[in-house]
Amino acid sequence: MNVTTSSAGVAVQPHGPLDEDGCAALRQVISTALSTGLRSIVLDLSEVSHIETEAVQLLRGVQHYLQRHGGALVVVRPSADAARGLRSNDLADLLVLGDTLAPVRPLRAVRAG
């Protein structure tokens, strides 16, 4: 999982399935970001092969949390399977067309998990 942070927020790019293990890793990255006060999360799902129910529930919870706290969760460049999983679970409003990673690219990139 690639994680890039900046003062603007965090960009996360998981790889492979967002199954139980992938979801646990994603939950850890998001929890860390939120605990440091970041309120903007960009999730690049271009390398995600499929999304399981646990990940959908996580994204829905993060979306609601960030909305209540003045933040935002957006999904960019989803794979076809990831987009289908989000749409079929009423999370299509998270999808953003184009490359919105620019605001969070600059500072520090780390490889997690």
C-alpha atoms as a PDB file:
ATOM      1  CA  MET A   1       0.000   0.000   0.000  1.00  0.00           C
ATOM      2  CA  ASN A   2       1.416   3.378  -0.976  1.00  0.00           C
ATOM      3  CA  VAL A   3       0.734   6.288   1.351  1.00  0.00           C
ATOM      4  CA  THR A   4       1.557   9.934   0.635  1.00  0.00           C
ATOM      5  CA  THR A   5       0.960  12.639   3.203  1.00  0.00           C
ATOM      6  CA  SER A   6       1.086  16.402   3.071  1.00  0.00           C
ATOM      7  CA  SER A   7      -0.403  19.273   4.991  1.00  0.00           C
ATOM      8  CA  ALA A   8      -3.428  18.985   2.671  1.00  0.00           C
ATOM      9  CA  GLY A   9      -4.210  15.389   3.587  1.00  0.00           C
ATOM     10  CA  VAL A  10      -3.306  11.843   2.741  1.00  0.00           C
ATOM     11  CA  ALA A  11      -3.393   9.862  -0.482  1.00  0.00           C
ATOM     12  CA  VAL A  12      -3.645   6.086  -0.177  1.00  0.00           C
ATOM     13  CA  GLN A  13      -3.190   3.540  -2.943  1.00  0.00           C
ATOM     14  CA  PRO A  14      -3.963  -0.029  -1.875  1.00  0.00           C
ATOM     15  CA  HIS A  15      -2.935  -2.931  -4.105  1.00  0.00           C
ATOM     16  CA  GLY A  16      -4.819  -6.178  -4.709  1.00  0.00           C
ATOM     17  CA  PRO A  17      -8.090  -7.108  -3.048  1.00  0.00           C
ATOM     18  CA  LEU A  18      -9.680  -5.079  -0.292  1.00  0.00           C
ATOM     19  CA  ASP A  19     -10.513  -8.248   1.574  1.00  0.00           C
ATOM     20  CA  GLU A  20     -10.105  -8.864   5.307  1.00  0.00           C
ATOM     21  CA  ASP A  21      -6.323  -8.336   5.237  1.00  0.00           C
ATOM     22  CA  GLY A  22      -6.391  -5.422   2.802  1.00  0.00           C
ATOM     23  CA  CYS A  23      -9.165  -3.768   4.768  1.00  0.00           C
ATOM     24  CA  ALA A  24      -7.224  -4.137   8.042  1.00  0.00           C
ATOM     25  CA  ALA A  25      -4.201  -2.433   6.478  1.00  0.00           C
ATOM     26  CA  LEU A  26      -6.369   0.328   5.019  1.00  0.00           C
ATOM     27  CA  ARG A  27      -8.137   0.828   8.363  1.00  0.00           C
ATOM     28  CA  GLN A  28      -4.752   1.253  10.079  1.00  0.00           C
ATOM     29  CA  VAL A  29      -3.560   3.848   7.553  1.00  0.00           C
ATOM     30  CA  ILE A  30      -6.814   5.809   7.785  1.00  0.00           C
ATOM     31  CA  SER A  31      -6.872   5.644  11.594  1.00  0.00           C
ATOM     32  CA  THR A  32      -3.321   6.977  11.726  1.00  0.00           C
ATOM     33  CA  ALA A  33      -4.196   9.829   9.354  1.00  0.00           C
ATOM     34  CA  LEU A  34      -7.282  10.776  11.347  1.00  0.00           C
ATOM     35  CA  SER A  35      -5.407  10.623  14.659  1.00  0.00           C
ATOM     36  CA  THR A  36      -2.918  13.198  13.340  1.00  0.00           C
ATOM     37  CA  GLY A  37      -5.751  15.568  12.460  1.00  0.00           C
ATOM     38  CA  LEU A  38      -5.809  15.045   8.695  1.00  0.00           C
ATOM     39  CA  ARG A  39      -9.327  15.448   7.303  1.00  0.00           C
ATOM     40  CA  SER A  40      -8.774  14.962   3.567  1.00  0.00           C
ATOM     41  CA  ILE A  41      -8.339  11.419   2.254  1.00  0.00           C
ATOM     42  CA  VAL A  42      -7.854  10.575  -1.393  1.00  0.00           C
ATOM     43  CA  LEU A  43      -8.154   6.873  -2.117  1.00  0.00           C
ATOM     44  CA  ASP A  44      -6.650   5.694  -5.408  1.00  0.00           C
ATOM     45  CA  LEU A  45      -8.260   2.343  -6.235  1.00  0.00           C
ATOM     46  CA  SER A  46      -6.569   1.810  -9.602  1.00  0.00           C
ATOM     47  CA  GLU A  47      -4.701  -1.261  -8.295  1.00  0.00           C
ATOM     48  CA  VAL A  48      -7.604  -2.816  -6.363  1.00  0.00           C
ATOM     49  CA  SER A  49      -8.868  -6.084  -7.823  1.00  0.00           C
ATOM     50  CA  HIS A  50     -12.106  -6.251  -5.822  1.00  0.00           C
ATOM     51  CA  ILE A  51     -13.814  -4.799  -2.768  1.00  0.00           C
ATOM     52  CA  GLU A  52     -15.429  -6.949  -0.096  1.00  0.00           C
ATOM     53  CA  THR A  53     -18.258  -5.918   2.218  1.00  0.00           C
ATOM     54  CA  GLU A  54     -15.940  -5.088   5.120  1.00  0.00           C
ATOM     55  CA  ALA A  55     -14.131  -2.494   2.991  1.00  0.00           C
ATOM     56  CA  VAL A  56     -17.421  -0.984   1.819  1.00  0.00           C
ATOM     57  CA  GLN A  57     -18.503  -0.612   5.441  1.00  0.00           C
ATOM     58  CA  LEU A  58     -15.148   0.958   6.325  1.00  0.00           C
ATOM     59  CA  LEU A  59     -15.402   3.493   3.493  1.00  0.00           C
ATOM     60  CA  ARG A  60     -18.981   4.349   4.401  1.00  0.00           C
ATOM     61  CA  GLY A  61     -17.974   4.919   8.024  1.00  0.00           C
ATOM     62  CA  VAL A  62     -14.970   7.046   7.074  1.00  0.00           C
ATOM     63  CA  GLN A  63     -17.091   9.073   4.681  1.00  0.00           C
ATOM     64  CA  HIS A  64     -19.662   9.831   7.401  1.00  0.00           C
ATOM     65  CA  TYR A  65     -16.980  10.633   9.985  1.00  0.00           C
ATOM     66  CA  LEU A  66     -15.179  13.046   7.670  1.00  0.00           C
ATOM     67  CA  GLN A  67     -18.419  14.745   6.612  1.00  0.00           C
ATOM     68  CA  ARG A  68     -19.288  15.364  10.272  1.00  0.00           C
ATOM     69  CA  HIS A  69     -15.813  16.788  10.927  1.00  0.00           C
ATOM     70  CA  GLY A  70     -15.493  19.050   7.896  1.00  0.00           C
ATOM     71  CA  GLY A  71     -13.377  16.699   5.829  1.00  0.00           C
ATOM     72  CA  ALA A  72     -13.740  14.656   2.700  1.00  0.00           C
ATOM     73  CA  LEU A  73     -13.071  11.184   1.339  1.00  0.00           C
ATOM     74  CA  VAL A  74     -12.770  10.878  -2.429  1.00  0.00           C
ATOM     75  CA  VAL A  75     -11.975   7.887  -4.600  1.00  0.00           C
ATOM     76  CA  VAL A  76      -9.981   8.383  -7.776  1.00  0.00           C
ATOM     77  CA  ARG A  77      -9.034   6.105 -10.660  1.00  0.00           C
ATOM     78  CA  PRO A  78     -10.948   3.020  -9.481  1.00  0.00           C
ATOM     79  CA  SER A  79     -10.396  -0.216 -11.341  1.00  0.00           C
ATOM     80  CA  ALA A  80     -13.510  -1.498 -13.121  1.00  0.00           C
ATOM     81  CA  ASP A  81     -14.156  -4.002 -10.316  1.00  0.00           C
ATOM     82  CA  ALA A  82     -13.626  -1.402  -7.597  1.00  0.00           C
ATOM     83  CA  ALA A  83     -15.993   1.067  -9.298  1.00  0.00           C
ATOM     84  CA  ARG A  84     -18.606  -1.666  -9.709  1.00  0.00           C
ATOM     85  CA  GLY A  85     -18.281  -2.569  -6.009  1.00  0.00           C
ATOM     86  CA  LEU A  86     -18.713   1.040  -4.926  1.00  0.00           C
ATOM     87  CA  ARG A  87     -21.675   1.648  -7.227  1.00  0.00           C
ATOM     88  CA  SER A  88     -23.448  -1.536  -6.182  1.00  0.00           C
ATOM     89  CA  ASN A  89     -23.108  -0.481  -2.534  1.00  0.00           C
ATOM     90  CA  ASP A  90     -24.399   3.085  -2.999  1.00  0.00           C
ATOM     91  CA  LEU A  91     -20.972   4.688  -2.666  1.00  0.00           C
ATOM     92  CA  ALA A  92     -20.746   6.059  -6.209  1.00  0.00           C
ATOM     93  CA  ASP A  93     -20.798   9.594  -4.772  1.00  0.00           C
ATOM     94  CA  LEU A  94     -17.213   8.985  -3.608  1.00  0.00           C
ATOM     95  CA  LEU A  95     -16.005   8.579  -7.188  1.00  0.00           C
ATOM     96  CA  VAL A  96     -14.212  11.524  -8.736  1.00  0.00           C
ATOM     97  CA  LEU A  97     -13.173  11.706 -12.371  1.00  0.00           C
ATOM     98  CA  GLY A  98      -9.655  12.761 -13.252  1.00  0.00           C
ATOM     99  CA  ASP A  99      -6.521  13.091 -11.187  1.00  0.00           C
ATOM    100  CA  THR A 100      -7.228  14.783  -7.874  1.00  0.00           C
ATOM    101  CA  LEU A 101      -4.060  13.547  -6.170  1.00  0.00           C
ATOM    102  CA  ALA A 102      -2.171  16.760  -7.008  1.00  0.00           C
ATOM    103  CA  PRO A 103      -2.995  18.554  -3.716  1.00  0.00           C
ATOM    104  CA  VAL A 104      -1.572  15.741  -1.590  1.00  0.00           C
ATOM    105  CA  ARG A 105       1.342  14.522  -3.712  1.00  0.00           C
ATOM    106  CA  PRO A 106       4.230  16.697  -2.657  1.00  0.00           C
ATOM    107  CA  LEU A 107       5.682  15.916   0.725  1.00  0.00           C
ATOM    108  CA  ARG A 108       6.493  12.469   1.969  1.00  0.00           C
ATOM    109  CA  ALA A 109       5.837   9.087   0.425  1.00  0.00           C
ATOM    110  CA  VAL A 110       6.114   5.936   2.516  1.00  0.00           C
ATOM    111  CA  ARG A 111       5.427   2.328   1.741  1.00  0.00           C
ATOM    112  CA  ALA A 112       3.094   0.680   4.253  1.00  0.00           C
ATOM    113  CA  GLY A 113       2.304  -2.996   4.529  1.00  0.00           C
END
